[in-house]
N, C-alpha and C. Protein backbone atom coordinates (compact mmCIF):
# COMPACT_ATOMS: atom_id res chain seq x y z
N MET A 1 1.12 -1.42 0.14
CA MET A 1 0.12 0.29 -0.22
C MET A 1 0.47 1.13 -0.54
N THR A 2 0.56 1.90 -0.63
CA THR A 2 1.28 3.28 -0.69
C THR A 2 0.44 4.40 -0.29
N ALA A 3 1.63 5.56 0.34
CA ALA A 3 1.30 6.57 1.30
C ALA A 3 0.30 7.67 0.03
N ALA A 4 -0.85 8.43 0.57
CA ALA A 4 -1.47 9.34 -0.08
C ALA A 4 -0.07 10.49 -0.01
N PRO A 5 -0.24 11.28 -1.31
CA PRO A 5 0.83 12.00 -1.60
C PRO A 5 0.30 13.60 -1.02
N THR A 6 1.70 14.40 -0.08
CA THR A 6 1.49 15.31 0.28
C THR A 6 1.35 16.49 -0.25
N PRO A 7 0.69 17.21 0.03
CA PRO A 7 0.71 18.71 -0.54
C PRO A 7 2.22 19.33 -1.64
N ASP A 8 3.18 18.98 -0.58
CA ASP A 8 4.65 19.59 -1.00
C ASP A 8 4.74 18.64 -2.71
N ASN A 9 4.69 17.47 -2.40
CA ASN A 9 4.90 15.68 -3.04
C ASN A 9 4.40 16.25 -4.74
N SER A 10 2.73 16.13 -4.38
CA SER A 10 1.81 16.46 -5.40
C SER A 10 2.41 17.71 -6.48
N GLN A 11 2.75 18.84 -5.53
CA GLN A 11 3.65 20.21 -6.46
C GLN A 11 4.39 19.78 -7.34
N GLN A 12 5.11 18.99 -6.39
CA GLN A 12 6.49 18.61 -7.25
C GLN A 12 5.94 17.15 -8.23
N HIS A 13 5.67 16.70 -8.77
CA HIS A 13 4.60 15.73 -9.73
C HIS A 13 4.03 16.37 -10.44
N ILE A 14 3.74 17.41 -10.22
CA ILE A 14 2.67 18.42 -11.61
C ILE A 14 4.17 18.89 -12.02
N ALA A 15 4.58 19.36 -11.40
CA ALA A 15 6.14 20.03 -12.20
C ALA A 15 6.56 19.43 -12.77
N ASP A 16 7.32 18.38 -12.76
CA ASP A 16 7.58 17.30 -12.85
C ASP A 16 6.98 16.53 -14.53
N LEU A 17 5.43 16.80 -14.25
CA LEU A 17 5.14 16.40 -15.59
C LEU A 17 4.68 17.91 -16.48
N ARG A 18 4.53 18.69 -15.96
CA ARG A 18 4.66 19.97 -17.23
C ARG A 18 5.77 20.16 -17.73
N GLU A 19 7.18 19.70 -16.61
CA GLU A 19 8.61 20.11 -17.63
C GLU A 19 8.65 18.53 -18.42
N ALA A 20 8.12 17.68 -18.37
CA ALA A 20 8.34 16.38 -19.73
C ALA A 20 7.21 16.82 -20.39
N LEU A 21 6.23 17.73 -20.73
CA LEU A 21 5.27 18.15 -21.35
C LEU A 21 5.99 19.15 -22.25
N GLN A 22 6.50 19.80 -21.43
CA GLN A 22 7.16 20.72 -22.40
C GLN A 22 8.41 20.37 -23.15
N GLU A 23 9.13 19.54 -22.83
CA GLU A 23 10.41 18.61 -24.03
C GLU A 23 9.62 17.76 -24.68
N SER A 24 8.56 17.34 -24.36
CA SER A 24 7.72 16.46 -25.38
C SER A 24 7.48 17.39 -26.56
N ALA A 25 7.59 18.91 -26.12
CA ALA A 25 6.69 19.39 -26.93
C ALA A 25 7.38 20.20 -27.99
N ARG A 26 8.59 20.84 -27.44
CA ARG A 26 9.92 20.88 -28.51
C ARG A 26 10.21 19.24 -29.11
N TRP A 27 10.40 18.43 -29.00
CA TRP A 27 10.99 17.20 -29.89
C TRP A 27 9.63 16.86 -30.49
N LEU A 28 8.26 17.45 -30.59
CA LEU A 28 7.53 17.09 -31.75
C LEU A 28 7.81 18.38 -32.22
N ALA A 29 7.61 19.32 -31.84
CA ALA A 29 7.71 20.29 -32.81
C ALA A 29 9.09 20.35 -34.30
N HIS A 30 10.11 20.31 -33.23
CA HIS A 30 11.45 19.84 -34.41
C HIS A 30 11.32 18.71 -35.33
N SER A 31 10.85 17.52 -34.72
CA SER A 31 10.55 16.76 -35.61
C SER A 31 9.19 16.73 -36.59
N ALA A 32 8.77 17.93 -36.89
CA ALA A 32 7.71 18.28 -37.09
C ALA A 32 7.96 18.96 -38.54
N GLY A 33 9.66 19.45 -37.90
CA GLY A 33 10.06 20.15 -38.72
C GLY A 33 10.98 19.81 -40.31
N ARG A 34 11.86 18.21 -39.37
CA ARG A 34 12.28 17.46 -40.13
C ARG A 34 11.42 16.71 -40.88
N GLU A 35 10.73 16.40 -40.90
CA GLU A 35 9.33 15.40 -41.49
C GLU A 35 8.72 16.22 -42.29
N ALA A 36 8.50 17.79 -42.35
CA ALA A 36 7.68 18.70 -43.31
C ALA A 36 8.14 18.53 -44.50
N ALA A 37 9.47 17.74 -45.03
CA ALA A 37 10.14 18.36 -46.88
C ALA A 37 9.57 16.91 -47.26
N THR A 38 9.57 15.51 -46.54
CA THR A 38 9.62 14.52 -47.21
C THR A 38 7.92 13.80 -46.27
N ASP A 39 7.39 13.89 -45.83
CA ASP A 39 6.24 13.88 -45.47
C ASP A 39 4.81 14.72 -44.53
N PRO A 40 4.46 15.61 -45.29
CA PRO A 40 4.26 16.91 -44.86
C PRO A 40 2.56 16.39 -43.92
N ALA A 41 2.38 15.20 -44.43
CA ALA A 41 0.65 14.78 -43.42
C ALA A 41 0.89 14.34 -42.44
N TYR A 42 2.76 13.60 -42.48
CA TYR A 42 3.06 13.58 -40.42
C TYR A 42 3.81 14.56 -39.75
N ALA A 43 4.15 15.17 -40.71
CA ALA A 43 4.47 16.32 -39.94
C ALA A 43 3.38 17.53 -39.72
N GLU A 44 2.23 16.82 -40.23
CA GLU A 44 1.18 18.05 -39.39
C GLU A 44 0.69 17.51 -38.02
N ARG A 45 0.85 15.92 -38.17
CA ARG A 45 0.00 15.23 -37.19
C ARG A 45 1.07 15.68 -36.17
N LEU A 46 2.25 15.67 -36.39
CA LEU A 46 2.98 15.69 -35.27
C LEU A 46 3.08 17.11 -34.47
N LEU A 47 2.92 17.82 -35.75
CA LEU A 47 2.86 19.48 -34.91
C LEU A 47 1.36 19.90 -33.93
N ALA A 48 0.89 18.69 -34.87
CA ALA A 48 -1.02 19.18 -34.26
C ALA A 48 -0.53 18.67 -32.66
N ALA A 49 0.41 17.43 -32.41
CA ALA A 49 0.74 17.08 -30.84
C ALA A 49 0.77 17.53 -30.28
N ALA A 50 1.92 18.40 -31.02
CA ALA A 50 2.36 19.35 -29.98
C ALA A 50 2.29 20.89 -29.64
N GLU A 51 0.85 21.16 -30.40
CA GLU A 51 0.44 22.15 -30.42
C GLU A 51 -0.96 21.58 -29.09
N LYS A 52 -1.25 20.57 -28.87
CA LYS A 52 -2.13 20.26 -27.92
C LYS A 52 -1.53 20.14 -26.60
N ALA A 53 0.03 19.77 -26.72
CA ALA A 53 0.48 19.77 -25.59
C ALA A 53 0.96 21.07 -25.38
N LYS A 54 1.02 21.81 -25.71
CA LYS A 54 1.24 23.38 -25.95
C LYS A 54 -0.05 24.16 -24.99
N ALA A 55 -1.47 23.44 -25.83
CA ALA A 55 -2.11 23.99 -25.02
C ALA A 55 -3.12 23.93 -23.79
N VAL A 56 -2.14 22.49 -23.34
CA VAL A 56 -2.48 22.16 -21.72
C VAL A 56 -1.53 22.74 -20.80
N LEU A 57 -0.29 22.70 -21.30
CA LEU A 57 0.36 23.72 -20.33
C LEU A 57 -0.09 24.94 -20.08
N ALA A 58 -0.96 25.63 -21.32
CA ALA A 58 -1.08 27.20 -21.17
C ALA A 58 -2.61 26.90 -20.23
N PHE A 59 -3.37 26.01 -19.87
CA PHE A 59 -4.47 25.85 -18.72
C PHE A 59 -4.36 25.38 -18.08
N THR A 60 -3.05 25.17 -17.65
CA THR A 60 -2.66 24.61 -16.31
C THR A 60 -1.36 25.86 -15.93
N THR A 61 -1.90 25.21 -14.75
CA THR A 61 -0.70 26.42 -13.54
C THR A 61 0.58 25.76 -13.16
N ASP A 62 1.20 26.34 -13.11
CA ASP A 62 2.74 25.86 -12.71
C ASP A 62 2.59 25.92 -11.76
N PRO A 63 2.87 25.06 -10.58
CA PRO A 63 3.43 24.98 -9.41
C PRO A 63 4.64 25.54 -8.69
N HIS A 64 5.50 26.11 -9.77
CA HIS A 64 6.55 27.10 -9.37
C HIS A 64 6.42 28.18 -10.63
N PRO A 65 5.79 28.70 -10.36
CA PRO A 65 6.37 30.17 -11.03
C PRO A 65 7.30 30.92 -11.39
N GLY A 66 7.99 31.08 -12.43
CA GLY A 66 9.67 31.37 -12.61
C GLY A 66 10.88 30.65 -12.38
N ALA A 67 10.66 29.27 -12.06
CA ALA A 67 10.97 28.49 -12.42
C ALA A 67 11.98 28.24 -13.61
N THR A 68 12.68 27.62 -14.03
CA THR A 68 13.67 27.39 -15.22
C THR A 68 13.69 25.98 -15.58
N SER A 69 14.07 25.14 -14.78
CA SER A 69 14.11 24.25 -14.78
C SER A 69 14.06 23.21 -13.63
N GLU A 70 14.09 21.46 -13.40
CA GLU A 70 13.53 21.34 -12.11
C GLU A 70 13.84 21.44 -11.57
N ARG A 71 15.95 21.66 -11.32
CA ARG A 71 16.95 22.26 -10.59
C ARG A 71 16.40 23.84 -10.05
N ASP A 72 15.07 24.35 -10.77
CA ASP A 72 14.97 25.91 -9.56
C ASP A 72 13.76 25.38 -8.85
N HIS A 73 12.95 24.04 -8.80
CA HIS A 73 11.86 24.06 -7.85
C HIS A 73 12.42 23.94 -6.48
N PRO A 74 11.79 24.02 -5.56
CA PRO A 74 12.03 23.85 -4.39
C PRO A 74 12.05 22.39 -4.20
């Protein structure tokens, strides 16, 4: 049985998830750019996924505003 997450622990998990989603969006956008010339349809799907990730980030709250990386989080 696992213990219930503490508020501090939950905030760190949210921060970690946001950081992973930000990185994923960057890689998806990068991959879309590389695929654009050879497979535009695939590039469009990759870019749509990147935009969806950015949209999720836009309506969620960063638990550590102003932090620029995971190391900056308390």
